[in-house]
N, C-alpha and C. Protein backbone atom coordinates (compact mmCIF):
# COMPACT_ATOMS: atom_id res chain seq x y z
N MET A 1 -137.41 30.53 20.42
CA MET A 1 -137.18 31.13 19.05
C MET A 1 -136.12 32.18 19.24
N GLU A 2 -136.01 32.87 20.29
CA GLU A 2 -135.01 34.07 20.36
C GLU A 2 -133.51 33.38 20.27
N LEU A 3 -133.41 32.37 20.84
CA LEU A 3 -131.98 31.56 20.81
C LEU A 3 -131.57 31.39 19.29
N ALA A 4 -132.52 30.98 18.46
CA ALA A 4 -132.15 30.88 17.07
C ALA A 4 -131.69 32.18 16.41
N TYR A 5 -132.42 33.05 16.72
CA TYR A 5 -132.27 34.50 16.18
C TYR A 5 -130.84 34.92 16.62
N VAL A 6 -130.76 34.91 17.92
CA VAL A 6 -129.32 35.47 18.46
C VAL A 6 -128.08 34.56 17.90
N THR A 7 -128.16 33.43 17.88
CA THR A 7 -127.14 32.51 17.50
C THR A 7 -127.02 32.88 15.84
N VAL A 8 -127.69 33.19 15.06
CA VAL A 8 -127.59 33.53 13.76
C VAL A 8 -126.92 34.84 13.50
N ILE A 9 -127.21 35.68 14.45
CA ILE A 9 -126.67 37.00 14.52
C ILE A 9 -125.17 36.93 15.03
N GLY A 10 -125.04 36.21 16.05
CA GLY A 10 -123.63 35.98 16.43
C GLY A 10 -122.81 35.39 15.36
N ALA A 11 -123.37 34.44 14.61
CA ALA A 11 -122.52 33.82 13.51
C ALA A 11 -122.23 34.89 12.57
N PHE A 12 -123.13 35.65 12.11
CA PHE A 12 -123.01 36.93 11.31
C PHE A 12 -121.74 37.97 11.75
N ILE A 13 -121.86 38.06 13.12
CA ILE A 13 -120.66 38.89 13.69
C ILE A 13 -119.45 38.25 13.48
N GLY A 14 -119.47 36.92 13.76
CA GLY A 14 -118.09 36.29 13.45
C GLY A 14 -117.73 36.34 12.03
N LEU A 15 -118.60 36.21 11.04
CA LEU A 15 -118.29 36.34 9.54
C LEU A 15 -117.88 37.82 9.21
N ALA A 16 -118.46 38.88 9.87
CA ALA A 16 -118.04 40.03 9.48
C ALA A 16 -116.70 40.42 9.95
N LEU A 17 -116.33 39.86 11.22
CA LEU A 17 -115.09 40.14 11.86
C LEU A 17 -113.90 39.19 10.99
N ARG A 18 -114.28 38.29 10.38
CA ARG A 18 -113.37 37.49 9.58
C ARG A 18 -112.70 38.51 8.37
N TYR A 19 -113.71 39.47 7.86
CA TYR A 19 -113.13 40.21 6.86
C TYR A 19 -112.87 41.49 7.43
N LEU A 20 -112.72 42.03 8.68
CA LEU A 20 -112.23 43.15 9.36
C LEU A 20 -110.95 42.96 10.04
N LEU A 21 -110.61 41.71 10.49
CA LEU A 21 -109.49 41.40 11.09
C LEU A 21 -108.32 40.93 10.27
N PRO A 22 -106.99 41.24 10.48
CA PRO A 22 -105.98 40.84 9.52
C PRO A 22 -105.70 39.35 9.70
N GLY A 23 -105.09 38.59 8.70
CA GLY A 23 -104.64 37.25 8.82
C GLY A 23 -105.64 36.37 8.47
N ARG A 24 -106.60 36.72 7.76
CA ARG A 24 -107.78 35.71 7.49
C ARG A 24 -107.25 34.45 6.55
N THR A 25 -106.14 34.64 5.97
CA THR A 25 -105.79 33.66 5.01
C THR A 25 -105.13 32.31 5.97
N ASP A 26 -104.99 32.78 7.31
CA ASP A 26 -104.38 31.67 8.20
C ASP A 26 -105.44 30.73 8.77
N TYR A 27 -106.82 30.94 8.54
CA TYR A 27 -107.76 30.04 9.19
C TYR A 27 -108.94 29.87 8.10
N GLY A 28 -109.79 29.04 8.26
CA GLY A 28 -110.91 28.67 7.38
C GLY A 28 -111.87 29.69 7.45
N LEU A 29 -112.74 29.55 6.59
CA LEU A 29 -113.98 30.47 6.32
C LEU A 29 -114.88 30.51 7.48
N PHE A 30 -115.12 29.19 7.95
CA PHE A 30 -116.40 29.06 8.68
C PHE A 30 -115.83 28.99 10.32
N LEU A 31 -114.48 29.35 10.58
CA LEU A 31 -114.09 29.24 11.98
C LEU A 31 -114.77 30.31 12.81
N LEU A 32 -114.81 31.61 12.37
CA LEU A 32 -115.10 32.58 13.29
C LEU A 32 -116.75 32.64 13.29
N PRO A 33 -117.47 32.25 12.18
CA PRO A 33 -119.01 32.27 12.31
C PRO A 33 -119.19 31.15 13.30
N ALA A 34 -118.48 30.06 13.27
CA ALA A 34 -118.77 28.96 14.19
C ALA A 34 -118.62 29.35 15.74
N VAL A 35 -117.48 29.92 15.85
CA VAL A 35 -117.01 30.44 17.36
C VAL A 35 -118.20 31.42 17.77
N GLY A 36 -118.55 32.39 16.69
CA GLY A 36 -119.42 33.45 17.18
C GLY A 36 -120.77 32.85 17.48
N GLY A 37 -121.33 31.95 16.75
CA GLY A 37 -122.65 31.24 16.98
C GLY A 37 -122.72 30.42 18.18
N ALA A 38 -121.55 29.66 18.47
CA ALA A 38 -121.52 28.87 19.62
C ALA A 38 -121.37 29.65 20.95
N VAL A 39 -120.61 30.70 20.84
CA VAL A 39 -120.42 31.30 22.22
C VAL A 39 -121.71 32.31 22.31
N THR A 40 -122.35 32.75 21.39
CA THR A 40 -123.67 33.55 21.56
C THR A 40 -124.54 32.66 22.22
N ALA A 41 -124.77 31.40 21.65
CA ALA A 41 -125.75 30.40 22.15
C ALA A 41 -125.49 30.15 23.81
N ALA A 42 -124.27 29.61 23.84
CA ALA A 42 -123.91 29.33 25.30
C ALA A 42 -124.02 30.36 26.37
N VAL A 43 -123.72 31.76 25.88
CA VAL A 43 -123.85 32.81 26.81
C VAL A 43 -125.37 33.16 26.98
N TRP A 44 -126.07 32.94 25.88
CA TRP A 44 -127.58 33.13 26.01
C TRP A 44 -128.23 32.22 27.05
N VAL A 45 -127.86 30.94 26.89
CA VAL A 45 -128.47 29.80 27.66
C VAL A 45 -128.02 30.11 29.09
N GLY A 46 -126.78 30.38 29.30
CA GLY A 46 -126.31 30.66 30.64
C GLY A 46 -127.12 31.87 31.34
N LEU A 47 -127.21 32.89 30.54
CA LEU A 47 -128.01 34.10 31.09
C LEU A 47 -129.49 33.83 31.30
N VAL A 48 -129.95 32.93 30.48
CA VAL A 48 -131.43 32.49 30.92
C VAL A 48 -131.40 31.68 32.23
N TRP A 49 -130.50 30.85 32.35
CA TRP A 49 -130.48 30.23 33.64
C TRP A 49 -130.27 31.15 34.85
N LEU A 50 -129.67 32.09 34.57
CA LEU A 50 -129.28 33.13 35.68
C LEU A 50 -130.56 33.97 35.79
N GLY A 51 -131.45 33.88 35.04
CA GLY A 51 -132.81 34.69 35.33
C GLY A 51 -133.08 35.89 34.43
N PHE A 52 -132.12 36.08 33.49
CA PHE A 52 -132.38 37.17 32.42
C PHE A 52 -133.63 36.66 31.65
N LYS A 53 -134.46 37.74 31.20
CA LYS A 53 -135.59 37.56 30.59
C LYS A 53 -135.33 37.46 28.91
N PHE A 54 -136.02 36.75 28.19
CA PHE A 54 -135.73 36.73 26.63
C PHE A 54 -136.09 38.18 25.99
N ASP A 55 -137.11 38.92 26.50
CA ASP A 55 -137.30 40.10 25.82
C ASP A 55 -136.57 41.28 26.43
N GLY A 56 -135.65 41.14 27.39
CA GLY A 56 -134.71 42.05 27.97
C GLY A 56 -133.64 42.48 26.92
N GLY A 57 -133.28 43.77 27.04
CA GLY A 57 -132.23 44.21 26.21
C GLY A 57 -130.79 43.69 26.72
N TRP A 58 -130.65 43.48 27.90
CA TRP A 58 -129.30 43.19 28.31
C TRP A 58 -128.83 41.88 27.88
N ILE A 59 -129.66 40.78 27.83
CA ILE A 59 -129.38 39.47 27.37
C ILE A 59 -128.85 39.48 25.87
N TRP A 60 -129.49 40.37 25.06
CA TRP A 60 -128.98 40.38 23.78
C TRP A 60 -127.55 41.09 23.70
N VAL A 61 -127.34 42.36 24.29
CA VAL A 61 -126.11 42.89 24.38
C VAL A 61 -125.06 42.11 24.88
N ILE A 62 -125.27 41.38 25.96
CA ILE A 62 -124.08 40.47 26.60
C ILE A 62 -123.74 39.35 25.58
N SER A 63 -124.91 38.77 25.05
CA SER A 63 -124.62 37.48 24.27
C SER A 63 -123.82 37.93 23.06
N LEU A 64 -124.16 39.18 22.34
CA LEU A 64 -123.59 39.55 21.00
C LEU A 64 -122.07 40.09 21.18
N VAL A 65 -122.09 40.83 22.42
CA VAL A 65 -120.69 41.38 22.75
C VAL A 65 -119.60 40.22 23.02
N ALA A 66 -120.17 39.18 23.67
CA ALA A 66 -119.34 37.91 23.95
C ALA A 66 -118.99 37.25 22.62
N SER A 67 -119.85 37.20 21.80
CA SER A 67 -119.67 36.71 20.46
C SER A 67 -118.58 37.42 19.77
N GLY A 68 -118.61 38.63 19.71
CA GLY A 68 -117.58 39.45 19.10
C GLY A 68 -116.08 39.39 19.74
N VAL A 69 -116.20 39.35 20.97
CA VAL A 69 -115.03 39.19 21.74
C VAL A 69 -114.21 37.86 21.57
N ALA A 70 -115.13 36.90 21.72
CA ALA A 70 -114.60 35.47 21.35
C ALA A 70 -113.98 35.28 19.99
N SER A 71 -114.81 35.87 19.12
CA SER A 71 -114.25 35.83 17.58
C SER A 71 -113.04 36.42 17.51
N ILE A 72 -112.76 37.66 17.95
CA ILE A 72 -111.56 38.43 18.02
C ILE A 72 -110.45 37.70 18.61
N LEU A 73 -110.75 37.12 19.89
CA LEU A 73 -109.64 36.42 20.53
C LEU A 73 -109.14 35.19 19.67
N VAL A 74 -110.12 34.48 19.22
CA VAL A 74 -109.80 33.23 18.43
C VAL A 74 -109.15 33.60 17.23
N ALA A 75 -109.50 34.62 16.44
CA ALA A 75 -108.84 35.07 15.25
C ALA A 75 -107.32 35.30 15.52
N LEU A 76 -107.13 36.17 16.57
CA LEU A 76 -105.81 36.60 16.86
C LEU A 76 -104.90 35.35 17.36
N LEU A 77 -105.46 34.62 18.21
CA LEU A 77 -104.58 33.61 18.73
C LEU A 77 -104.23 32.39 17.47
N VAL A 78 -105.28 32.14 16.70
CA VAL A 78 -105.10 31.21 15.51
C VAL A 78 -103.89 31.78 14.75
N VAL A 79 -103.90 33.00 14.26
CA VAL A 79 -102.98 33.76 13.55
C VAL A 79 -101.69 33.56 14.07
N ARG A 80 -101.49 33.86 15.38
CA ARG A 80 -100.21 33.80 16.08
C ARG A 80 -99.70 32.59 16.15
N MET A 81 -100.58 31.60 16.38
CA MET A 81 -100.09 30.17 16.74
C MET A 81 -99.53 29.66 15.31
N ARG A 82 -100.53 29.84 14.30
CA ARG A 82 -100.18 29.42 13.12
C ARG A 82 -98.87 29.85 12.51
N ARG A 83 -98.54 31.26 12.64
CA ARG A 83 -97.36 31.78 12.00
C ARG A 83 -96.07 31.24 12.83
N ILE A 84 -96.22 31.12 14.27
CA ILE A 84 -95.22 30.39 15.01
C ILE A 84 -94.78 29.05 14.55
N GLY A 85 -95.97 28.32 14.26
CA GLY A 85 -95.78 26.96 13.89
C GLY A 85 -95.11 26.97 12.45
N ASP A 86 -95.53 27.75 11.53
CA ASP A 86 -95.17 27.71 10.28
C ASP A 86 -93.67 28.12 10.23
N GLU A 87 -93.21 29.11 11.06
CA GLU A 87 -91.74 29.50 11.07
C GLU A 87 -90.97 28.19 11.77
N ARG A 88 -91.46 27.62 12.61
CA ARG A 88 -90.88 26.52 13.33
C ARG A 88 -90.61 25.27 12.33
N ARG A 89 -91.60 25.00 11.50
CA ARG A 89 -91.66 24.03 10.57
C ARG A 89 -90.64 24.33 9.39
N LEU A 90 -90.65 25.47 9.01
CA LEU A 90 -89.71 26.02 7.98
C LEU A 90 -88.37 25.93 8.38
N HIS A 91 -87.94 26.41 9.59
CA HIS A 91 -86.65 26.06 10.19
C HIS A 91 -86.23 24.60 10.14
N HIS A 92 -87.22 23.75 10.71
CA HIS A 92 -86.93 22.46 10.76
C HIS A 92 -86.57 21.74 9.39
N LEU A 93 -87.63 22.03 8.42
CA LEU A 93 -87.41 21.47 7.09
C LEU A 93 -86.21 21.85 6.35
N SER A 94 -85.79 23.30 6.62
CA SER A 94 -84.63 23.95 5.79
C SER A 94 -83.40 23.47 6.33
N GLY A 95 -83.41 22.82 7.52
CA GLY A 95 -82.09 22.47 8.39
C GLY A 95 -81.48 23.54 8.98
N GLY A 96 -82.13 24.48 9.35
CA GLY A 96 -81.69 25.76 10.10
C GLY A 96 -81.28 26.81 9.13
N ARG A 97 -81.30 26.68 7.80
CA ARG A 97 -80.83 27.64 6.96
C ARG A 97 -81.89 28.77 6.70
N ALA A 98 -83.16 28.52 7.10
CA ALA A 98 -84.07 29.58 6.82
C ALA A 98 -84.58 30.25 8.07
């Protein structure tokens, strides 16, 4: 049951970061919540396999911090790659005039 809670919280962290980070017009609404939820669930399960207890505080902290870090990295990388691709496409379509 805790896995469901922590996954939803991780998705909300991703959603909050979508509105706190610049460049949100370069990716979709559900990208960061999906990344946040998926990373939180994967880290949680990995920590359980390593022996962390469900009711321990560190499993929550590590899982939720990993969610935030992954969401930030994805947002920054997607924005950077999207802008590079857009500039390259504009240059190609304008015949080198732009």
